[in-house]
Amino acid sequence: MVARINTGHSIAKSVGYNEKKVLQGKAQCIGQGNYPMLVKQMSAAMRLGRLVHRAALNPNVHRNSVHISLSFAPEERVSDQTMNAIARRYMQGIGFGLQPFLVYRHQDTAHPHLHICSVNIRADGSRIDMHNIGRHQSEETRKQIEQEFSLVQAARHTPKVVEVQRVAYGRLPTKAAIEKVLGYVFSKYQFASLPELNTVLFAYGVRADRGGTRSVMYANGGLQYTIINTEGEPLGKPIKASALKGKPTLNWLEGQFVLHRSQKLSAKKSLKVVVAKVLHGKVKDMEELVKQLQRQGVYLHLVKNKEGLIYGATFVDHRTGGVFKGSALGKGYSAKGLAAAVSNAGASAIEVRIRGNQGKVMDDDVGFDVDQGRIASEGVDTGEPSLWEVLQQTEVVYDEIAYPFRRRKKRKNN
């Protein structure tokens, strides 16, 4: 079982999120705690009213909403009765046993999970301290519940591998389809710019778009995601980044760009080895080059102008998750260098530059022995691992920091 605690400024928003799922047929309100009547005897307004009334007892506490999610392994079959029992046990364990709360069972993902909505204001108006509740009370209670209810232990659970396919427009709701792709791409690939990210997303039928350079969205640093066809044309209505899980906004992405620049350096050498090996084989044209690289687990995205001339190249290494512009690997890997290599039947710009070095092609840390037809670099693993990693379909926020490790904002003195 996985437990997540989120706090907010509005209990109405937390309850409203779950009630909207109920109206859509994607969730059910299955239980309540410390209410004067059963949940089935109350309207949505009555359910919310008790929580709003409790929060109003201390208007000085602005972050009074508590939204909890408890997720179970996909193979587990948890009844409504068991979920209610687990919810009560969990709330008691974290010190919310006397608080009013609502329990919602969600059915919009592959794994069973529930949401609990409550407030951190006691009946006497005092506030429940949330500091380190995730590290201490929640974690200890979670482990106890796993034992008491014979649940799959999160620490020992090995999730099944789920392969993400290109989005089929109309098969899933647009928002859900985009979130599924983003969740996978953000967890697997290292990209250092928006064009590099879009190169990966293109393979899954999604694009991140800032709008025109003169648009209000561009000027304000906005970002939206849209489903596209194989020609890159948009399908359906775009979704704002702030409306998606994890809020993958431009500001968040820029932080990832900085992080990925250092993370993906280790994948650069292996990629250059693979590309060099293919370039010095029998490659008759660019189309053949793309196909041969694809067999090695590398996707080569070529950018063409209206006349069909290639002016850009980006490599996506599915084996390591590294994404690189061709020019970042070296001149021989740029669009111009690749075109020259193909037109010269394997004599790449790398080889021309160092042809006189005892018949060997050397480019930085990559060497290719032309006579022997083998890689000259040592200690480089060019094996083909699986192209796909695990995609856990949990309600996870991509940029979320676990509650106990969040830094508390310092109050400014007025």
Protein backbone atom coordinates (compact mmCIF):
# COMPACT_ATOMS: atom_id res chain seq x y z
CA MET A 1 0.00 0.00 0.00
CA VAL A 2 1.18 3.51 -0.84
CA ALA A 3 -0.02 6.51 1.20
CA ARG A 4 0.19 10.14 0.15
CA ILE A 5 -0.86 13.20 2.15
CA ASN A 6 -1.52 16.57 0.54
CA THR A 7 -2.62 19.73 2.32
CA GLY A 8 -4.42 22.70 0.80
CA HIS A 9 -6.22 25.96 1.40
CA SER A 10 -9.69 24.80 0.39
CA ILE A 11 -11.57 21.74 1.62
CA ALA A 12 -14.27 22.60 -0.91
CA LYS A 13 -11.81 21.99 -3.77
CA SER A 14 -10.70 18.63 -2.36
CA VAL A 15 -14.26 17.41 -1.87
CA GLY A 16 -15.33 18.96 -5.17
CA TYR A 17 -12.63 17.01 -7.02
CA ASN A 18 -13.96 13.73 -5.64
CA GLU A 19 -17.65 14.63 -6.08
CA LYS A 20 -16.96 15.47 -9.72
CA LYS A 21 -15.52 11.98 -10.16
CA VAL A 22 -18.70 10.58 -8.59
CA LEU A 23 -20.87 12.47 -11.10
CA GLN A 24 -18.68 11.15 -13.94
CA GLY A 25 -19.16 7.58 -12.69
CA LYS A 26 -15.44 7.25 -11.93
CA ALA A 27 -15.75 7.18 -8.12
CA GLN A 28 -18.10 6.41 -5.25
CA CYS A 29 -18.43 7.95 -1.80
CA ILE A 30 -18.35 4.73 0.21
CA GLY A 31 -17.96 5.90 3.80
CA GLN A 32 -17.63 8.60 6.40
CA GLY A 33 -16.10 9.13 9.81
CA ASN A 34 -17.53 11.15 12.71
CA TYR A 35 -20.63 12.28 10.83
CA PRO A 36 -24.12 12.25 12.45
CA MET A 37 -25.50 10.01 9.69
CA LEU A 38 -24.41 7.54 7.01
CA VAL A 39 -23.00 8.83 3.76
CA LYS A 40 -25.86 7.38 1.72
CA GLN A 41 -28.31 9.47 3.77
CA MET A 42 -26.55 12.74 2.93
CA SER A 43 -26.42 14.92 -0.15
CA ALA A 44 -23.09 16.18 -1.53
CA ALA A 45 -23.78 19.57 0.07
CA MET A 46 -24.35 17.98 3.47
CA ARG A 47 -21.15 15.96 3.19
CA LEU A 48 -19.14 19.08 2.43
CA GLY A 49 -20.98 21.26 4.95
CA ARG A 50 -19.69 19.45 8.03
CA LEU A 51 -16.08 19.79 6.92
CA VAL A 52 -16.48 23.46 6.02
CA HIS A 53 -18.08 24.14 9.42
CA ARG A 54 -15.23 22.42 11.23
CA ALA A 55 -12.57 24.34 9.26
CA ALA A 56 -14.32 27.62 10.11
CA LEU A 57 -13.68 27.05 13.84
CA ASN A 58 -10.16 28.42 13.38
CA PRO A 59 -10.01 31.06 10.60
CA ASN A 60 -6.35 31.73 11.41
CA VAL A 61 -5.35 28.39 9.89
CA HIS A 62 -5.24 28.96 6.14
CA ARG A 63 -3.92 25.53 5.10
CA ASN A 64 -6.66 23.46 6.71
CA SER A 65 -7.58 20.94 4.00
CA VAL A 66 -6.16 17.40 4.17
CA HIS A 67 -6.44 15.17 1.10
CA ILE A 68 -5.09 11.62 1.45
CA SER A 69 -4.78 8.85 -1.13
CA LEU A 70 -4.19 5.18 -0.31
CA SER A 71 -3.21 3.02 -3.30
CA PHE A 72 -3.12 -0.76 -3.50
CA ALA A 73 -1.37 -3.18 -5.83
CA PRO A 74 -3.20 -3.82 -9.16
CA GLU A 75 -3.62 -7.52 -8.37
CA GLU A 76 -5.36 -6.87 -5.04
CA ARG A 77 -9.14 -7.10 -4.77
CA VAL A 78 -10.24 -4.79 -1.96
CA SER A 79 -13.94 -4.60 -1.09
CA ASP A 80 -15.72 -1.38 -0.06
CA GLN A 81 -16.05 -2.74 3.46
CA THR A 82 -12.31 -3.43 3.68
CA MET A 83 -11.47 -0.02 2.23
CA ASN A 84 -13.61 1.66 4.88
CA ALA A 85 -11.91 -0.34 7.61
CA ILE A 86 -8.47 0.56 6.23
CA ALA A 87 -9.43 4.25 6.01
CA ARG A 88 -10.58 4.29 9.65
CA ARG A 89 -7.47 2.47 10.82
CA TYR A 90 -5.23 4.86 8.90
CA MET A 91 -6.95 8.00 10.19
CA GLN A 92 -6.70 6.71 13.72
CA GLY A 93 -3.02 5.90 13.24
CA ILE A 94 -2.08 9.39 12.05
CA GLY A 95 -4.01 11.12 14.81
CA PHE A 96 -7.18 11.97 12.85
CA GLY A 97 -9.43 9.37 14.49
CA LEU A 98 -11.80 12.00 15.93
CA GLN A 99 -11.84 14.20 12.81
CA PRO A 100 -14.77 14.21 10.37
CA PHE A 101 -13.73 12.63 7.07
CA LEU A 102 -15.15 11.25 3.82
CA VAL A 103 -13.95 8.14 1.97
CA TYR A 104 -14.11 7.91 -1.83
CA ARG A 105 -13.29 4.84 -3.90
CA HIS A 106 -11.85 5.73 -7.33
CA GLN A 107 -12.18 3.49 -10.37
CA ASP A 108 -10.30 5.50 -12.98
CA THR A 109 -6.96 3.67 -12.88
CA ALA A 110 -5.75 0.09 -13.18
CA HIS A 111 -5.09 -0.21 -9.45
CA PRO A 112 -7.64 0.07 -6.62
CA HIS A 113 -7.27 3.19 -4.52
CA LEU A 114 -9.22 5.48 -2.23
CA HIS A 115 -9.22 9.15 -1.29
CA ILE A 116 -9.92 10.62 2.14
CA CYS A 117 -10.98 14.24 2.63
CA SER A 118 -10.69 15.84 6.06
CA VAL A 119 -9.55 18.98 7.90
CA ASN A 120 -6.85 19.51 10.51
CA ILE A 121 -9.01 21.58 12.91
CA ARG A 122 -10.20 19.85 16.11
CA ALA A 123 -13.65 20.32 17.67
CA ASP A 124 -12.19 22.85 20.12
CA GLY A 125 -10.70 24.92 17.30
CA SER A 126 -7.09 23.85 17.86
CA ARG A 127 -4.93 22.83 14.94
CA ILE A 128 -3.44 19.36 14.39
CA ASP A 129 0.28 19.70 13.70
CA MET A 130 1.08 18.23 10.27
CA HIS A 131 4.86 18.57 10.59
CA ASN A 132 6.59 15.26 9.78
CA ILE A 133 3.28 13.39 9.81
CA GLY A 134 4.29 11.66 6.57
CA ARG A 135 7.64 10.46 7.92
CA HIS A 136 6.46 9.30 11.29
CA GLN A 137 2.75 8.57 11.83
CA SER A 138 1.82 7.80 8.22
CA GLU A 139 4.75 5.54 7.41
CA GLU A 140 4.42 3.52 10.61
CA THR A 141 0.64 3.20 10.22
CA ARG A 142 1.01 2.15 6.57
CA LYS A 143 3.30 -0.73 7.52
CA GLN A 144 0.97 -1.85 10.29
CA ILE A 145 -2.04 -1.84 7.94
CA GLU A 146 -0.15 -3.95 5.39
CA GLN A 147 0.38 -6.58 8.09
CA GLU A 148 -3.08 -6.39 9.66
CA PHE A 149 -4.98 -6.60 6.34
CA SER A 150 -2.50 -8.92 4.56
CA LEU A 151 -1.82 -6.39 1.81
CA VAL A 152 1.01 -6.43 -0.73
CA GLN A 153 3.92 -4.60 0.86
CA ALA A 154 4.93 -1.53 -1.14
CA ALA A 155 8.63 -2.07 -0.42
CA ARG A 156 8.57 -5.57 -1.92
CA HIS A 157 6.11 -5.00 -4.73
CA THR A 158 7.45 -5.38 -8.28
CA PRO A 159 5.01 -3.69 -10.64
CA LYS A 160 4.22 -5.12 -14.05
CA VAL A 161 5.81 -3.53 -17.08
CA VAL A 162 3.33 -1.47 -19.07
CA GLU A 163 4.31 -0.36 -22.57
CA VAL A 164 3.07 3.06 -23.59
CA GLN A 165 1.79 3.24 -27.15
CA ARG A 166 1.23 6.24 -29.41
CA VAL A 167 -1.95 8.08 -28.43
CA ALA A 168 -4.99 7.00 -30.43
CA TYR A 169 -7.13 10.13 -30.52
CA GLY A 170 -10.61 9.51 -29.12
CA ARG A 171 -9.83 6.19 -27.45
CA LEU A 172 -9.16 7.83 -24.07
CA PRO A 173 -10.15 11.27 -22.77
CA THR A 174 -7.58 13.77 -24.07
CA LYS A 175 -6.41 14.78 -20.60
CA ALA A 176 -5.97 11.18 -19.42
CA ALA A 177 -4.13 10.20 -22.62
CA ILE A 178 -1.68 13.11 -22.35
CA GLU A 179 -1.06 12.49 -18.65
CA LYS A 180 -0.28 8.83 -19.30
CA VAL A 181 2.33 9.72 -21.94
CA LEU A 182 3.89 12.50 -19.84
CA GLY A 183 4.12 10.25 -16.79
CA TYR A 184 6.10 7.71 -18.80
CA VAL A 185 8.32 10.17 -20.68
CA PHE A 186 9.21 12.21 -17.58
CA SER A 187 10.25 9.06 -15.70
CA LYS A 188 12.36 7.55 -18.51
CA TYR A 189 14.04 10.21 -20.66
CA GLN A 190 16.60 12.96 -20.04
CA PHE A 191 16.03 16.02 -22.22
CA ALA A 192 17.69 19.43 -21.92
CA SER A 193 15.38 21.65 -23.98
CA LEU A 194 11.79 21.91 -25.17
CA PRO A 195 12.70 20.75 -28.73
CA GLU A 196 14.40 17.66 -27.27
CA LEU A 197 11.32 16.90 -25.16
CA ASN A 198 9.07 17.32 -28.18
CA THR A 199 11.22 14.92 -30.16
CA VAL A 200 10.40 12.22 -27.60
CA LEU A 201 6.75 13.22 -27.29
CA PHE A 202 6.32 13.11 -31.09
CA ALA A 203 6.77 9.34 -31.01
CA TYR A 204 3.78 9.12 -28.64
CA GLY A 205 1.57 11.59 -30.49
CA VAL A 206 1.88 14.53 -28.08
CA ARG A 207 3.46 17.98 -28.31
CA ALA A 208 4.33 20.67 -25.76
CA ASP A 209 3.52 24.07 -27.23
CA ARG A 210 4.33 27.60 -26.05
CA GLY A 211 2.26 29.28 -28.76
CA GLY A 212 3.45 31.95 -31.18
CA THR A 213 6.32 34.21 -30.13
CA ARG A 214 3.94 37.17 -30.14
CA SER A 215 1.15 35.42 -28.25
CA VAL A 216 0.09 36.26 -24.71
CA MET A 217 0.78 32.69 -23.62
CA TYR A 218 4.39 32.87 -24.87
CA ALA A 219 4.95 36.25 -23.21
CA ASN A 220 3.64 34.94 -19.89
CA GLY A 221 5.71 31.76 -19.99
CA GLY A 222 2.66 29.58 -20.57
CA LEU A 223 2.64 26.05 -21.92
CA GLN A 224 0.02 23.64 -23.26
CA TYR A 225 0.03 20.05 -24.44
CA THR A 226 -1.88 18.73 -27.42
CA ILE A 227 -2.39 15.41 -29.21
CA ILE A 228 -0.93 15.35 -32.74
CA ASN A 229 -1.10 13.04 -35.75
CA THR A 230 1.88 11.49 -37.54
CA GLU A 231 2.31 14.69 -39.55
CA GLY A 232 2.52 16.79 -36.39
CA GLU A 233 -0.89 18.40 -36.91
CA PRO A 234 -2.95 19.03 -33.73
CA LEU A 235 -5.98 16.87 -32.94
CA GLY A 236 -8.61 18.14 -30.55
CA LYS A 237 -8.36 20.82 -27.92
CA PRO A 238 -5.01 21.52 -26.16
CA ILE A 239 -4.73 21.14 -22.37
CA LYS A 240 -2.98 23.75 -20.23
CA ALA A 241 0.06 22.42 -18.36
CA SER A 242 -1.34 23.74 -15.08
CA ALA A 243 -4.46 21.58 -15.54
CA LEU A 244 -2.50 18.32 -15.81
CA LYS A 245 -1.25 16.04 -13.04
CA GLY A 246 1.95 17.34 -11.56
CA LYS A 247 1.52 20.69 -13.34
CA PRO A 248 4.36 20.16 -15.88
CA THR A 249 4.62 23.88 -16.64
CA LEU A 250 7.46 25.61 -18.47
CA ASN A 251 8.93 26.72 -15.17
CA TRP A 252 9.03 23.12 -13.93
CA LEU A 253 10.47 21.87 -17.22
CA GLU A 254 13.29 24.41 -17.12
CA GLY A 255 14.33 22.96 -13.78
CA GLN A 256 14.35 19.51 -15.34
CA PHE A 257 16.45 20.76 -18.27
CA VAL A 258 19.22 21.84 -15.91
CA LEU A 259 19.07 18.55 -14.01
CA HIS A 260 19.09 16.41 -17.17
CA ARG A 261 22.11 18.15 -18.71
CA SER A 262 24.35 16.47 -16.18
CA GLN A 263 22.36 13.24 -15.87
CA LYS A 264 22.52 12.32 -19.54
CA LEU A 265 26.27 12.81 -20.00
CA SER A 266 26.92 9.17 -19.12
CA ALA A 267 24.68 8.07 -22.02
CA LYS A 268 26.55 10.13 -24.61
CA LYS A 269 29.48 7.77 -25.12
CA SER A 270 27.37 4.66 -25.63
CA LEU A 271 25.15 6.46 -28.15
CA LYS A 272 28.13 7.69 -30.19
CA VAL A 273 29.47 4.15 -30.38
CA VAL A 274 26.21 2.80 -31.77
CA VAL A 275 25.82 5.61 -34.32
CA ALA A 276 29.45 5.32 -35.47
CA LYS A 277 29.08 1.58 -35.95
CA VAL A 278 25.96 1.97 -38.10
CA LEU A 279 27.45 4.84 -40.11
CA HIS A 280 30.41 2.73 -41.16
CA GLY A 281 28.25 -0.14 -42.28
CA LYS A 282 26.25 -0.45 -45.46
CA VAL A 283 23.88 2.50 -45.34
CA LYS A 284 22.52 3.49 -48.74
CA ASP A 285 20.39 6.47 -47.68
CA MET A 286 19.00 8.35 -44.68
CA GLU A 287 15.91 6.18 -44.53
CA GLU A 288 18.10 3.11 -44.18
CA LEU A 289 20.14 4.86 -41.47
CA VAL A 290 16.97 5.54 -39.47
CA LYS A 291 15.90 1.90 -39.78
CA GLN A 292 19.28 0.50 -38.75
CA LEU A 293 19.51 2.78 -35.73
CA GLN A 294 15.98 1.80 -34.74
CA ARG A 295 17.08 -1.84 -34.63
CA GLN A 296 19.75 -0.78 -32.13
CA GLY A 297 17.17 0.94 -29.90
CA VAL A 298 17.94 4.47 -31.13
CA TYR A 299 15.39 6.77 -32.78
CA LEU A 300 16.77 9.37 -35.20
CA HIS A 301 14.43 12.33 -35.74
CA LEU A 302 15.23 14.29 -38.90
CA VAL A 303 13.91 17.82 -39.37
CA LYS A 304 13.19 18.86 -42.97
CA ASN A 305 12.23 22.15 -44.62
CA LYS A 306 9.45 22.60 -47.18
CA GLU A 307 11.76 21.49 -49.97
CA GLY A 308 12.49 18.25 -48.14
CA LEU A 309 16.07 19.17 -47.25
CA ILE A 310 17.30 17.92 -43.88
CA TYR A 311 18.60 20.66 -41.58
CA GLY A 312 18.34 19.12 -38.12
CA ALA A 313 18.87 15.77 -36.38
CA THR A 314 18.07 14.60 -32.86
CA PHE A 315 18.84 11.19 -31.35
CA VAL A 316 16.61 9.50 -28.78
CA ASP A 317 18.37 6.58 -27.12
CA HIS A 318 15.59 4.32 -25.81
CA ARG A 319 18.19 2.12 -24.10
CA THR A 320 19.49 4.81 -21.76
CA GLY A 321 16.83 7.53 -22.05
CA GLY A 322 19.33 10.12 -23.32
CA VAL A 323 18.15 12.70 -25.86
CA PHE A 324 20.81 14.59 -27.88
CA LYS A 325 20.93 16.99 -30.78
CA GLY A 326 23.27 15.57 -33.41
CA SER A 327 25.59 18.57 -33.21
CA ALA A 328 25.97 17.98 -29.45
CA LEU A 329 27.58 14.62 -30.20
CA GLY A 330 30.02 16.09 -32.73
CA LYS A 331 30.11 17.48 -36.27
CA GLY A 332 29.96 14.01 -37.76
CA TYR A 333 26.61 13.43 -36.05
CA SER A 334 24.93 16.65 -37.17
CA ALA A 335 22.42 16.64 -40.01
CA LYS A 336 25.13 17.74 -42.44
CA GLY A 337 27.61 15.18 -41.14
CA LEU A 338 25.08 12.33 -41.37
CA ALA A 339 24.12 13.32 -44.91
CA ALA A 340 27.79 13.37 -45.91
CA ALA A 341 28.37 9.95 -44.34
CA VAL A 342 25.46 8.42 -46.24
CA SER A 343 26.31 10.06 -49.58
CA ASN A 344 29.92 8.89 -49.26
CA ALA A 345 28.80 5.33 -48.53
CA GLY A 346 30.08 5.24 -44.97
CA ALA A 347 32.91 7.78 -45.19
CA SER A 348 31.66 10.10 -42.50
CA ALA A 349 33.04 13.49 -41.59
CA ILE A 350 34.76 11.79 -38.68
CA GLU A 351 36.65 9.44 -40.99
CA VAL A 352 37.61 12.15 -43.49
CA ARG A 353 39.10 14.24 -40.74
CA ILE A 354 41.38 11.52 -39.43
CA ARG A 355 41.77 9.22 -42.42
CA GLY A 356 45.53 9.26 -42.11
CA ASN A 357 45.59 7.79 -38.62
CA GLN A 358 46.62 4.22 -39.58
CA GLY A 359 43.28 3.59 -41.26
CA LYS A 360 41.30 4.21 -38.07
CA VAL A 361 38.43 6.56 -37.43
CA MET A 362 38.67 8.30 -34.08
CA ASP A 363 36.21 10.85 -32.70
CA ASP A 364 36.82 11.83 -29.10
CA ASP A 365 36.14 8.68 -27.07
CA VAL A 366 34.73 6.64 -29.98
CA GLY A 367 36.96 4.68 -32.32
CA PHE A 368 36.07 2.49 -35.27
CA ASP A 369 38.58 0.23 -36.94
CA VAL A 370 37.67 0.41 -40.63
CA ASP A 371 39.76 -2.57 -41.63
CA GLN A 372 38.55 -4.88 -38.89
CA GLY A 373 34.95 -3.55 -38.93
CA ARG A 374 34.67 -3.36 -35.17
CA ILE A 375 34.43 -0.80 -32.38
CA ALA A 376 37.87 0.19 -31.12
CA SER A 377 36.69 1.76 -27.86
CA GLU A 378 37.00 -0.42 -24.81
CA GLY A 379 34.71 -0.74 -21.84
CA VAL A 380 31.57 0.44 -23.67
CA ASP A 381 28.45 -1.65 -23.33
CA THR A 382 26.48 -1.62 -26.60
CA GLY A 383 24.03 -4.38 -25.68
CA GLU A 384 20.32 -3.87 -26.20
CA PRO A 385 18.39 -3.76 -22.95
CA SER A 386 14.60 -3.60 -22.99
CA LEU A 387 13.20 -0.51 -24.67
CA TRP A 388 10.54 0.04 -22.04
CA GLU A 389 10.64 0.58 -18.31
CA VAL A 390 7.96 0.43 -15.72
CA LEU A 391 5.02 2.82 -15.87
CA GLN A 392 3.21 2.81 -12.54
CA GLN A 393 -0.27 4.13 -13.02
CA THR A 394 -0.50 5.76 -9.63
CA GLU A 395 -1.88 9.18 -8.87
CA VAL A 396 1.55 10.70 -8.63
CA VAL A 397 2.56 14.33 -8.95
CA TYR A 398 5.70 14.44 -11.10
CA ASP A 399 7.33 17.33 -9.31
CA GLU A 400 5.94 16.49 -5.91
CA ILE A 401 8.35 16.17 -3.00
CA ALA A 402 7.28 13.72 -0.34
CA TYR A 403 5.64 15.62 2.51
CA PRO A 404 8.30 15.00 5.17
CA PHE A 405 11.06 16.33 2.94
CA ARG A 406 9.39 19.57 1.89
CA ARG A 407 11.07 22.72 3.10
CA ARG A 408 8.74 24.94 4.99
CA LYS A 409 8.52 28.45 3.63
CA LYS A 410 9.84 31.14 5.92
CA ARG A 411 7.32 33.74 6.92
CA LYS A 412 8.18 37.24 5.94
CA ASN A 413 7.97 39.84 8.65
CA ASN A 414 5.46 42.50 7.77
